[in-house]
C-alpha atoms as a PDB file:
ATOM      1  CA  MET A   1      -4.098  -1.714  -6.012  1.00  0.00           C
ATOM      2  CA  ALA A   2      -6.238  -4.128  -8.028  1.00  0.00           C
ATOM      3  CA  ALA A   3      -8.508  -1.221  -8.982  1.00  0.00           C
ATOM      4  CA  TRP A   4      -5.452   0.848  -9.918  1.00  0.00           C
ATOM      5  CA  PHE A   5      -4.139  -1.962 -12.137  1.00  0.00           C
ATOM      6  CA  ALA A   6      -7.540  -2.303 -13.804  1.00  0.00           C
ATOM      7  CA  ARG A   7      -7.664   1.421 -14.589  1.00  0.00           C
ATOM      8  CA  GLY A   8      -4.274   0.992 -16.236  1.00  0.00           C
ATOM      9  CA  GLY A   9      -5.576  -1.755 -18.532  1.00  0.00           C
ATOM     10  CA  VAL A  10      -4.167  -4.730 -16.601  1.00  0.00           C
ATOM     11  CA  SER A  11      -6.646  -7.612 -16.570  1.00  0.00           C
ATOM     12  CA  GLU A  12      -4.754 -10.237 -14.530  1.00  0.00           C
ATOM     13  CA  VAL A  13      -2.670  -9.760 -11.391  1.00  0.00           C
ATOM     14  CA  ILE A  14      -0.225 -12.261  -9.890  1.00  0.00           C
ATOM     15  CA  LEU A  15       0.433 -11.774  -6.178  1.00  0.00           C
ATOM     16  CA  ALA A  16       3.925 -12.935  -5.235  1.00  0.00           C
ATOM     17  CA  VAL A  17       3.558 -13.913  -1.586  1.00  0.00           C
ATOM     18  CA  ASN A  18       5.540 -15.609   1.163  1.00  0.00           C
ATOM     19  CA  HIS A  19       4.716 -14.445   4.686  1.00  0.00           C
ATOM     20  CA  LEU A  20       1.096 -15.208   5.689  1.00  0.00           C
ATOM     21  CA  SER A  21       0.364 -16.621   2.238  1.00  0.00           C
ATOM     22  CA  ASP A  22      -2.482 -18.837   3.553  1.00  0.00           C
ATOM     23  CA  LYS A  23      -4.252 -15.858   5.133  1.00  0.00           C
ATOM     24  CA  LEU A  24      -3.732 -13.790   1.983  1.00  0.00           C
ATOM     25  CA  ARG A  25      -5.270 -16.556  -0.110  1.00  0.00           C
ATOM     26  CA  VAL A  26      -8.407 -16.505   2.055  1.00  0.00           C
ATOM     27  CA  GLU A  27      -8.548 -12.704   2.032  1.00  0.00           C
ATOM     28  CA  VAL A  28      -8.239 -12.459  -1.759  1.00  0.00           C
ATOM     29  CA  SER A  29     -10.919 -15.109  -2.278  1.00  0.00           C
ATOM     30  CA  ARG A  30     -13.341 -13.071  -0.151  1.00  0.00           C
ATOM     31  CA  LYS A  31     -12.985  -9.866  -2.118  1.00  0.00           C
ATOM     32  CA  LYS A  32     -14.528  -8.926  -5.441  1.00  0.00           C
ATOM     33  CA  LEU A  33     -11.421  -7.483  -7.050  1.00  0.00           C
ATOM     34  CA  ASP A  34     -11.320  -5.592 -10.328  1.00  0.00           C
ATOM     35  CA  THR A  35      -8.850  -8.037 -11.891  1.00  0.00           C
ATOM     36  CA  LYS A  36      -8.407 -11.765 -12.134  1.00  0.00           C
ATOM     37  CA  THR A  37      -5.996 -12.552  -9.297  1.00  0.00           C
ATOM     38  CA  VAL A  38      -3.789 -15.594  -8.737  1.00  0.00           C
ATOM     39  CA  LEU A  39      -1.137 -16.288  -6.095  1.00  0.00           C
ATOM     40  CA  SER A  40       2.466 -17.346  -6.667  1.00  0.00           C
ATOM     41  CA  VAL A  41       3.812 -18.626  -3.340  1.00  0.00           C
ATOM     42  CA  GLU A  42       7.495 -18.470  -2.422  1.00  0.00           C
ATOM     43  CA  GLU A  43       8.617 -21.203  -0.024  1.00  0.00           C
ATOM     44  CA  THR A  44      11.459 -18.893   1.019  1.00  0.00           C
ATOM     45  CA  PRO A  45      11.818 -15.147   0.333  1.00  0.00           C
ATOM     46  CA  LEU A  46      13.276 -14.512  -3.144  1.00  0.00           C
ATOM     47  CA  GLY A  47      13.915 -10.767  -3.082  1.00  0.00           C
ATOM     48  CA  THR A  48      12.466  -8.369  -5.646  1.00  0.00           C
ATOM     49  CA  GLY A  49      13.463 -10.332  -8.751  1.00  0.00           C
ATOM     50  CA  GLY A  50      13.224 -13.994  -7.757  1.00  0.00           C
ATOM     51  CA  PRO A  51       9.431 -13.937  -7.464  1.00  0.00           C
ATOM     52  CA  ILE A  52       9.167 -12.804 -11.103  1.00  0.00           C
ATOM     53  CA  SER A  53      11.234 -15.769 -12.243  1.00  0.00           C
ATOM     54  CA  LEU A  54       9.213 -18.111 -10.013  1.00  0.00           C
ATOM     55  CA  ALA A  55       5.963 -16.841 -11.549  1.00  0.00           C
ATOM     56  CA  SER A  56       7.253 -17.026 -15.133  1.00  0.00           C
ATOM     57  CA  PRO A  57       5.145 -20.132 -15.990  1.00  0.00           C
ATOM     58  CA  LEU A  58       2.068 -17.983 -15.310  1.00  0.00           C
ATOM     59  CA  LEU A  59       3.188 -15.200 -17.653  1.00  0.00           C
ATOM     60  CA  ASN A  60       2.391 -14.632 -21.300  1.00  0.00           C
ATOM     61  CA  ARG A  61       5.869 -14.690 -22.843  1.00  0.00           C
ATOM     62  CA  ASP A  62       4.780 -12.352 -25.652  1.00  0.00           C
ATOM     63  CA  GLU A  63       3.369  -9.593 -23.484  1.00  0.00           C
ATOM     64  CA  LEU A  64       4.752  -6.725 -21.458  1.00  0.00           C
ATOM     65  CA  LEU A  65       4.901  -7.353 -17.714  1.00  0.00           C
ATOM     66  CA  ILE A  66       3.933  -4.616 -15.259  1.00  0.00           C
ATOM     67  CA  VAL A  67       5.519  -5.051 -11.831  1.00  0.00           C
ATOM     68  CA  SER A  68       4.710  -3.126  -8.664  1.00  0.00           C
ATOM     69  CA  ASN A  69       6.041  -3.396  -5.144  1.00  0.00           C
ATOM     70  CA  GLY A  70       3.243  -4.322  -2.776  1.00  0.00           C
ATOM     71  CA  ASP A  71       4.125  -1.648  -0.233  1.00  0.00           C
ATOM     72  CA  VAL A  72       3.600   1.477  -2.323  1.00  0.00           C
ATOM     73  CA  ILE A  73       0.450   3.521  -2.885  1.00  0.00           C
ATOM     74  CA  SER A  74       0.258   5.963  -5.789  1.00  0.00           C
ATOM     75  CA  ASN A  75      -1.806   7.347  -8.646  1.00  0.00           C
ATOM     76  CA  ILE A  76       0.874   6.558 -11.222  1.00  0.00           C
ATOM     77  CA  ASP A  77      -0.624   6.604 -14.722  1.00  0.00           C
ATOM     78  CA  LEU A  78       0.064   3.064 -15.886  1.00  0.00           C
ATOM     79  CA  GLN A  79      -1.257   3.759 -19.379  1.00  0.00           C
ATOM     80  CA  GLY A  80       1.114   6.720 -19.682  1.00  0.00           C
ATOM     81  CA  LEU A  81       4.041   4.617 -18.478  1.00  0.00           C
ATOM     82  CA  ILE A  82       3.216   1.798 -20.919  1.00  0.00           C
ATOM     83  CA  THR A  83       2.805   4.222 -23.825  1.00  0.00           C
ATOM     84  CA  ALA A  84       6.208   5.788 -23.134  1.00  0.00           C
ATOM     85  CA  HIS A  85       7.784   2.361 -22.789  1.00  0.00           C
ATOM     86  CA  VAL A  86       6.503   1.218 -26.170  1.00  0.00           C
ATOM     87  CA  GLN A  87       7.272   4.541 -27.856  1.00  0.00           C
ATOM     88  CA  PHE A  88      10.951   4.502 -26.910  1.00  0.00           C
ATOM     89  CA  GLY A  89      11.504   0.765 -27.307  1.00  0.00           C
ATOM     90  CA  ALA A  90      13.130   0.265 -23.908  1.00  0.00           C
ATOM     91  CA  GLN A  91      13.643  -3.143 -22.331  1.00  0.00           C
ATOM     92  CA  ALA A  92      12.657  -1.746 -18.932  1.00  0.00           C
ATOM     93  CA  THR A  93      10.877   1.455 -17.918  1.00  0.00           C
ATOM     94  CA  ILE A  94      10.835   2.549 -14.277  1.00  0.00           C
ATOM     95  CA  ALA A  95       8.410   5.001 -12.726  1.00  0.00           C
ATOM     96  CA  LEU A  96      10.371   7.685 -10.876  1.00  0.00           C
ATOM     97  CA  VAL A  97       9.301  10.183  -8.231  1.00  0.00           C
ATOM     98  CA  SER A  98      11.146  13.174  -6.869  1.00  0.00           C
ATOM     99  CA  ALA A  99      12.373  12.890  -3.270  1.00  0.00           C
ATOM    100  CA  GLU A 100      13.943  15.519  -1.064  1.00  0.00           C
ATOM    101  CA  ASP A 101      16.233  12.888   0.473  1.00  0.00           C
ATOM    102  CA  ALA A 102      17.206   9.967  -1.751  1.00  0.00           C
ATOM    103  CA  ARG A 103      19.113   7.964   0.872  1.00  0.00           C
ATOM    104  CA  PRO A 104      16.327   5.476   1.744  1.00  0.00           C
ATOM    105  CA  PHE A 105      15.594   4.757  -1.938  1.00  0.00           C
ATOM    106  CA  GLY A 106      17.102   3.593  -5.207  1.00  0.00           C
ATOM    107  CA  LEU A 107      18.569   6.538  -7.115  1.00  0.00           C
ATOM    108  CA  ALA A 108      18.341   6.847 -10.908  1.00  0.00           C
ATOM    109  CA  THR A 109      20.690   8.980 -13.009  1.00  0.00           C
ATOM    110  CA  LEU A 110      19.043  10.276 -16.192  1.00  0.00           C
ATOM    111  CA  ASP A 111      20.275  11.836 -19.407  1.00  0.00           C
ATOM    112  CA  ALA A 112      18.453  14.614 -21.263  1.00  0.00           C
ATOM    113  CA  ASN A 113      16.151  12.058 -22.946  1.00  0.00           C
ATOM    114  CA  ASP A 114      15.171  10.300 -19.679  1.00  0.00           C
ATOM    115  CA  ARG A 115      17.351   7.320 -20.468  1.00  0.00           C
ATOM    116  CA  ILE A 116      18.665   5.882 -17.195  1.00  0.00           C
ATOM    117  CA  THR A 117      22.449   5.913 -17.321  1.00  0.00           C
ATOM    118  CA  GLY A 118      23.041   4.718 -13.785  1.00  0.00           C
ATOM    119  CA  PHE A 119      21.122   3.035 -10.987  1.00  0.00           C
ATOM    120  CA  GLU A 120      22.245   2.888  -7.374  1.00  0.00           C
ATOM    121  CA  GLU A 121      20.328   1.138  -4.612  1.00  0.00           C
ATOM    122  CA  LYS A 122      19.871   2.651  -1.138  1.00  0.00           C
ATOM    123  CA  SER A 123      22.975   4.518   0.008  1.00  0.00           C
ATOM    124  CA  GLU A 124      23.831   6.967   2.799  1.00  0.00           C
ATOM    125  CA  THR A 125      25.839   9.002   0.285  1.00  0.00           C
ATOM    126  CA  ASN A 126      22.764   9.927  -1.783  1.00  0.00           C
ATOM    127  CA  ARG A 127      21.938  13.076   0.172  1.00  0.00           C
ATOM    128  CA  GLY A 128      19.694  15.755  -1.241  1.00  0.00           C
ATOM    129  CA  PRO A 129      16.865  15.752  -3.807  1.00  0.00           C
ATOM    130  CA  ALA A 130      16.842  13.241  -6.658  1.00  0.00           C
ATOM    131  CA  TRP A 131      14.638  11.079  -8.853  1.00  0.00           C
ATOM    132  CA  ILE A 132      14.098   7.768  -7.068  1.00  0.00           C
ATOM    133  CA  ASN A 133      12.717   4.363  -7.924  1.00  0.00           C
ATOM    134  CA  ALA A 134       8.934   4.341  -7.341  1.00  0.00           C
ATOM    135  CA  GLY A 135       8.723   0.540  -7.363  1.00  0.00           C
ATOM    136  CA  VAL A 136       6.612   0.311 -10.544  1.00  0.00           C
ATOM    137  CA  TYR A 137       8.120  -1.131 -13.729  1.00  0.00           C
ATOM    138  CA  ALA A 138       7.325  -2.175 -17.286  1.00  0.00           C
ATOM    139  CA  LEU A 139       9.510  -5.151 -18.280  1.00  0.00           C
ATOM    140  CA  THR A 140       9.834  -6.975 -21.586  1.00  0.00           C
ATOM    141  CA  PRO A 141      10.013 -10.790 -21.729  1.00  0.00           C
ATOM    142  CA  LYS A 142      13.755 -10.381 -22.409  1.00  0.00           C
ATOM    143  CA  VAL A 143      14.250  -8.817 -18.981  1.00  0.00           C
ATOM    144  CA  VAL A 144      12.184 -11.545 -17.310  1.00  0.00           C
ATOM    145  CA  ALA A 145      14.440 -14.134 -18.963  1.00  0.00           C
ATOM    146  CA  MET A 146      17.518 -12.392 -17.512  1.00  0.00           C
ATOM    147  CA  ILE A 147      16.444 -13.103 -13.932  1.00  0.00           C
ATOM    148  CA  PRO A 148      18.157 -16.171 -12.421  1.00  0.00           C
ATOM    149  CA  HIS A 149      15.793 -18.905 -11.263  1.00  0.00           C
ATOM    150  CA  GLY A 150      15.670 -20.633  -7.920  1.00  0.00           C
ATOM    151  CA  ARG A 151      17.503 -18.121  -5.730  1.00  0.00           C
ATOM    152  CA  PRO A 152      16.941 -14.670  -4.221  1.00  0.00           C
ATOM    153  CA  VAL A 153      17.525 -11.932  -6.795  1.00  0.00           C
ATOM    154  CA  SER A 154      17.575  -8.156  -6.385  1.00  0.00           C
ATOM    155  CA  LEU A 155      16.272  -6.309  -9.440  1.00  0.00           C
ATOM    156  CA  GLU A 156      17.819  -3.124  -8.108  1.00  0.00           C
ATOM    157  CA  ARG A 157      21.330  -4.527  -7.563  1.00  0.00           C
ATOM    158  CA  GLU A 158      21.644  -7.294 -10.164  1.00  0.00           C
ATOM    159  CA  ILE A 159      19.380  -6.504 -13.133  1.00  0.00           C
ATOM    160  CA  PHE A 160      18.786  -2.754 -13.367  1.00  0.00           C
ATOM    161  CA  PRO A 161      22.470  -1.695 -13.286  1.00  0.00           C
ATOM    162  CA  VAL A 162      23.178  -4.077 -16.185  1.00  0.00           C
ATOM    163  CA  LEU A 163      20.289  -2.673 -18.242  1.00  0.00           C
ATOM    164  CA  ALA A 164      21.381   0.884 -17.446  1.00  0.00           C
ATOM    165  CA  SER A 165      24.942   0.167 -18.593  1.00  0.00           C
ATOM    166  CA  GLN A 166      23.527  -1.181 -21.874  1.00  0.00           C
ATOM    167  CA  GLY A 167      21.333   1.882 -22.444  1.00  0.00           C
ATOM    168  CA  GLU A 168      18.182  -0.269 -22.386  1.00  0.00           C
ATOM    169  CA  MET A 169      16.406   1.323 -19.465  1.00  0.00           C
ATOM    170  CA  ARG A 170      14.255   4.462 -19.288  1.00  0.00           C
ATOM    171  CA  GLY A 171      12.726   6.554 -16.538  1.00  0.00           C
ATOM    172  CA  TRP A 172       9.128   7.762 -16.490  1.00  0.00           C
ATOM    173  CA  ARG A 173       8.624  10.758 -14.204  1.00  0.00           C
ATOM    174  CA  HIS A 174       5.545  10.735 -12.001  1.00  0.00           C
ATOM    175  CA  ALA A 175       4.252  14.035 -10.617  1.00  0.00           C
ATOM    176  CA  GLY A 176       1.259  12.780  -8.594  1.00  0.00           C
ATOM    177  CA  PHE A 177       1.137  11.271  -5.142  1.00  0.00           C
ATOM    178  CA  TRP A 178       3.317   8.337  -4.071  1.00  0.00           C
ATOM    179  CA  TYR A 179       3.856   6.801  -0.651  1.00  0.00           C
ATOM    180  CA  ASP A 180       6.074   4.016   0.642  1.00  0.00           C
ATOM    181  CA  ILE A 181       3.968   2.188   3.270  1.00  0.00           C
ATOM    182  CA  GLY A 182       6.383  -0.620   4.174  1.00  0.00           C
ATOM    183  CA  LYS A 183       6.621   0.523   7.810  1.00  0.00           C
ATOM    184  CA  ILE A 184       3.743   1.288  10.162  1.00  0.00           C
ATOM    185  CA  PRO A 185       4.628   4.989  10.699  1.00  0.00           C
ATOM    186  CA  ASP A 186       4.826   5.434   6.899  1.00  0.00           C
ATOM    187  CA  TYR A 187       1.491   3.629   6.486  1.00  0.00           C
ATOM    188  CA  ILE A 188      -0.175   5.947   9.004  1.00  0.00           C
ATOM    189  CA  ASN A 189       1.355   9.038   7.430  1.00  0.00           C
ATOM    190  CA  ALA A 190       0.203   7.995   3.941  1.00  0.00           C
ATOM    191  CA  ASN A 191      -3.360   7.531   5.134  1.00  0.00           C
ATOM    192  CA  ARG A 192      -3.400  10.932   6.786  1.00  0.00           C
ATOM    193  CA  GLN A 193      -2.017  12.589   3.683  1.00  0.00           C
ATOM    194  CA  LEU A 194      -4.640  10.902   1.494  1.00  0.00           C
ATOM    195  CA  LEU A 195      -7.437  11.944   3.843  1.00  0.00           C
ATOM    196  CA  ARG A 196      -6.657  15.525   2.908  1.00  0.00           C
ATOM    197  CA  ARG A 197      -7.759  14.725  -0.641  1.00  0.00           C
ATOM    198  CA  THR A 198     -11.526  15.024  -1.004  1.00  0.00           C
ATOM    199  CA  GLU A 199     -11.815  11.948  -3.240  1.00  0.00           C
ATOM    200  CA  PHE A 200     -10.774   9.745  -0.306  1.00  0.00           C
ATOM    201  CA  ARG A 201     -13.456  10.954   2.118  1.00  0.00           C
ATOM    202  CA  GLU A 202     -16.851   9.370   2.565  1.00  0.00           C
ATOM    203  CA  THR A 203     -19.005  10.738   5.366  1.00  0.00           C
ATOM    204  CA  THR A 204     -22.060  12.436   3.834  1.00  0.00           C
ATOM    205  CA  ASN A 205     -24.280   9.354   3.813  1.00  0.00           C
ATOM    206  CA  VAL A 206     -23.516   8.525   7.442  1.00  0.00           C
ATOM    207  CA  GLU A 207     -24.159  12.093   8.587  1.00  0.00           C
ATOM    208  CA  THR A 208     -27.598  11.882   6.976  1.00  0.00           C
ATOM    209  CA  ILE A 209     -28.461   8.558   8.638  1.00  0.00           C
ATOM    210  CA  VAL A 210     -27.003   9.423  12.064  1.00  0.00           C
ATOM    211  CA  PRO A 211     -27.492  13.166  12.555  1.00  0.00           C
ATOM    212  CA  MET A 212     -26.386  12.987  16.214  1.00  0.00           C
ATOM    213  CA  ALA A 213     -22.900  11.691  15.337  1.00  0.00           C
ATOM    214  CA  LYS A 214     -20.204  14.359  15.410  1.00  0.00           C
ATOM    215  CA  ILE A 215     -17.794  13.843  12.507  1.00  0.00           C
ATOM    216  CA  ARG A 216     -14.689  16.001  12.160  1.00  0.00           C
ATOM    217  CA  GLN A 217     -12.898  16.168   8.837  1.00  0.00           C
ATOM    218  CA  PRO A 218     -10.782  14.838   7.370  1.00  0.00           C
ATOM    219  CA  SER A 219     -12.190  11.355   7.969  1.00  0.00           C
ATOM    220  CA  TYR A 220     -13.272   8.316   5.967  1.00  0.00           C
ATOM    221  CA  ILE A 221     -16.120   5.904   6.642  1.00  0.00           C
ATOM    222  CA  GLY A 222     -16.264   2.663   4.678  1.00  0.00           C
ATOM    223  CA  LYS A 223     -19.257   0.735   3.415  1.00  0.00           C
ATOM    224  CA  ASN A 224     -21.793  -0.893   5.743  1.00  0.00           C
ATOM    225  CA  CYS A 225     -20.542   0.801   8.912  1.00  0.00           C
ATOM    226  CA  THR A 226     -22.928   1.258  11.843  1.00  0.00           C
ATOM    227  CA  ILE A 227     -22.576   4.473  13.844  1.00  0.00           C
ATOM    228  CA  GLU A 228     -24.876   5.139  16.763  1.00  0.00           C
ATOM    229  CA  ASP A 229     -25.953   8.440  18.326  1.00  0.00           C
ATOM    230  CA  ALA A 230     -23.652  10.565  20.490  1.00  0.00           C
ATOM    231  CA  THR A 231     -20.504   9.233  18.856  1.00  0.00           C
ATOM    232  CA  LYS A 232     -17.513  11.395  17.969  1.00  0.00           C
ATOM    233  CA  LEU A 233     -15.356  10.573  14.980  1.00  0.00           C
ATOM    234  CA  GLY A 234     -12.212  12.284  13.685  1.00  0.00           C
ATOM    235  CA  PRO A 235     -10.252  14.132  12.660  1.00  0.00           C
ATOM    236  CA  TYR A 236      -7.871  11.905  10.688  1.00  0.00           C
ATOM    237  CA  THR A 237      -9.890   8.780  11.367  1.00  0.00           C
ATOM    238  CA  ILE A 238     -10.585   5.880   9.021  1.00  0.00           C
ATOM    239  CA  LEU A 239     -13.296   3.276   9.543  1.00  0.00           C
ATOM    240  CA  SER A 240     -12.939   0.359   7.153  1.00  0.00           C
ATOM    241  CA  GLU A 241     -15.939  -1.652   5.976  1.00  0.00           C
ATOM    242  CA  ARG A 242     -18.454  -3.080   8.469  1.00  0.00           C
ATOM    243  CA  VAL A 243     -17.136  -1.269  11.545  1.00  0.00           C
ATOM    244  CA  SER A 244     -19.609  -0.731  14.368  1.00  0.00           C
ATOM    245  CA  MET A 245     -19.352   2.322  16.660  1.00  0.00           C
ATOM    246  CA  LYS A 246     -21.601   2.034  19.699  1.00  0.00           C
ATOM    247  CA  ARG A 247     -23.280   4.929  21.457  1.00  0.00           C
ATOM    248  CA  GLY A 248     -20.874   7.446  22.969  1.00  0.00           C
ATOM    249  CA  ALA A 249     -17.722   5.998  21.377  1.00  0.00           C
ATOM    250  CA  GLN A 250     -15.024   8.586  20.632  1.00  0.00           C
ATOM    251  CA  VAL A 251     -12.307   7.874  18.062  1.00  0.00           C
ATOM    252  CA  SER A 252      -9.700  10.323  16.740  1.00  0.00           C
ATOM    253  CA  GLU A 253      -6.563  10.064  14.569  1.00  0.00           C
ATOM    254  CA  THR A 254      -7.070   6.300  14.320  1.00  0.00           C
ATOM    255  CA  ILE A 255      -7.272   3.660  11.582  1.00  0.00           C
ATOM    256  CA  VAL A 256      -9.805   0.902  12.265  1.00  0.00           C
ATOM    257  CA  PHE A 257      -9.776  -2.234  10.118  1.00  0.00           C
ATOM    258  CA  GLU A 258     -12.785  -4.264   8.911  1.00  0.00           C
ATOM    259  CA  GLN A 259     -15.481  -5.855  11.084  1.00  0.00           C
ATOM    260  CA  THR A 260     -14.312  -4.255  14.323  1.00  0.00           C
ATOM    261  CA  THR A 261     -16.698  -3.243  17.106  1.00  0.00           C
ATOM    262  CA  LEU A 262     -16.007  -0.165  19.219  1.00  0.00           C
ATOM    263  CA  GLY A 263     -17.981  -0.409  22.457  1.00  0.00           C
ATOM    264  CA  GLU A 264     -20.148   2.161  24.210  1.00  0.00           C
ATOM    265  CA  ASN A 265     -18.314   5.203  25.565  1.00  0.00           C
ATOM    266  CA  CYS A 266     -14.881   3.890  24.597  1.00  0.00           C
ATOM    267  CA  THR A 267     -12.152   6.395  23.760  1.00  0.00           C
ATOM    268  CA  ILE A 268      -9.401   5.726  21.217  1.00  0.00           C
ATOM    269  CA  GLU A 269      -6.669   8.191  20.248  1.00  0.00           C
ATOM    270  CA  ASP A 270      -3.975   8.014  17.570  1.00  0.00           C
ATOM    271  CA  SER A 271      -3.962   4.208  17.278  1.00  0.00           C
ATOM    272  CA  LEU A 272      -4.136   1.354  14.774  1.00  0.00           C
ATOM    273  CA  ILE A 273      -6.918  -1.189  15.425  1.00  0.00           C
ATOM    274  CA  GLY A 274      -6.838  -4.483  13.528  1.00  0.00           C
ATOM    275  CA  GLU A 275      -9.537  -6.508  11.801  1.00  0.00           C
ATOM    276  CA  GLY A 276     -12.275  -8.195  13.792  1.00  0.00           C
ATOM    277  CA  VAL A 277     -11.330  -6.559  17.104  1.00  0.00           C
ATOM    278  CA  THR A 278     -13.852  -6.092  19.894  1.00  0.00           C
ATOM    279  CA  VAL A 279     -13.224  -3.043  22.069  1.00  0.00           C
ATOM    280  CA  GLY A 280     -15.258  -3.215  25.278  1.00  0.00           C
ATOM    281  CA  LYS A 281     -17.414  -0.414  26.618  1.00  0.00           C
ATOM    282  CA  GLU A 282     -15.756   2.307  28.723  1.00  0.00           C
ATOM    283  CA  THR A 283     -12.338   1.184  27.405  1.00  0.00           C
ATOM    284  CA  ARG A 284      -9.540   3.750  27.008  1.00  0.00           C
ATOM    285  CA  ILE A 285      -6.856   3.168  24.364  1.00  0.00           C
ATOM    286  CA  GLY A 286      -3.921   5.580  24.597  1.00  0.00           C
ATOM    287  CA  LYS A 287      -2.011   7.305  21.845  1.00  0.00           C
ATOM    288  CA  GLY A 288       0.354   5.310  19.662  1.00  0.00           C
ATOM    289  CA  SER A 289      -1.181   1.912  20.465  1.00  0.00           C
ATOM    290  CA  LEU A 290      -1.270  -0.997  18.030  1.00  0.00           C
ATOM    291  CA  ILE A 291      -3.979  -3.651  18.440  1.00  0.00           C
ATOM    292  CA  ALA A 292      -3.642  -6.795  16.301  1.00  0.00           C
ATOM    293  CA  GLY A 293      -6.610  -8.437  14.569  1.00  0.00           C
ATOM    294  CA  GLN A 294      -9.118 -10.685  16.376  1.00  0.00           C
ATOM    295  CA  VAL A 295      -8.245  -9.298  19.829  1.00  0.00           C
ATOM    296  CA  VAL A 296     -10.971  -8.862  22.474  1.00  0.00           C
ATOM    297  CA  ILE A 297     -10.398  -5.980  24.897  1.00  0.00           C
ATOM    298  CA  PRO A 298     -12.643  -6.304  27.965  1.00  0.00           C
ATOM    299  CA  ASP A 299     -15.006  -3.657  29.273  1.00  0.00           C
ATOM    300  CA  GLY A 300     -13.403  -0.879  31.266  1.00  0.00           C
ATOM    301  CA  ALA A 301      -9.833  -1.670  30.230  1.00  0.00           C
ATOM    302  CA  THR A 302      -7.162   1.026  30.075  1.00  0.00           C
ATOM    303  CA  ILE A 303      -4.510   0.550  27.388  1.00  0.00           C
ATOM    304  CA  ARG A 304      -1.487   2.701  28.085  1.00  0.00           C
ATOM    305  CA  PRO A 305      -0.079   4.934  25.340  1.00  0.00           C
ATOM    306  CA  GLY A 306       2.359   3.169  23.010  1.00  0.00           C
ATOM    307  CA  SER A 307       1.054  -0.311  23.841  1.00  0.00           C
ATOM    308  CA  MET A 308       1.142  -3.247  21.417  1.00  0.00           C
ATOM    309  CA  ILE A 309      -1.392  -6.037  21.873  1.00  0.00           C
ATOM    310  CA  LEU A 310      -0.974  -9.172  19.743  1.00  0.00           C
ATOM    311  CA  ASN A 311      -3.327 -12.109  19.352  1.00  0.00           C
END
């Protein structure tokens, strides 16, 4: 997301964090991100609007603020959104995507000029296709000043309906990809969908270095991975950076996080493996399993399908 912000012309990113803020601080400090990044820490959760008010001392009060939910992945054209926002003089511009079923999302009602005339948060009555809130906004300092300070605030329920009633809010229609990854099944689905796009695959270099590895597309292999002979990888498999696959390891339909070691002749199917995990040799991990970070699974273990192992 930092790279996406940078491509859109954003030079500084504020991460509004609460849960696991200490771990996020360490993680951000380790990475060479494409933007200057600072953290704004909520002592208690403040909703979707409260964190903006909390971070207001860090904002330039004369500049446009771009806000994105942290649990969406997209190729929304931020420059296009900003240009449209400035052109039409709106107080708030929301990126919108088309959904076949609007019930799980915020629904926007538009006029012929893409002015938002109504905004309704998640509702079981919103059946059928509609333009929904993509979780990416351009907000003027005036809108930031509208947000109450010191309490949880919902942009979608408290701020956006007011702006819509005043005719000060516009929609910007996005036609590219967009995924909500707030839940694990959605996260897995998004990754599999993105693997079908050639720009998100990276296997050629590894195939050259390890000709005896069998790699089935679509798959992705991150930087500085080590893959030994007689391994089988894919389809729909992602190795993050610095993953080590030992001889004979077989991994399919699985996402493996950074610095994890997959032991000799282990077999993993349709699972999510956290960061810094050690999977012992001859281990079998069944479909639908979730392994948290920093877990050590001993040699020869059998993890039943659908298991969850926490550290």
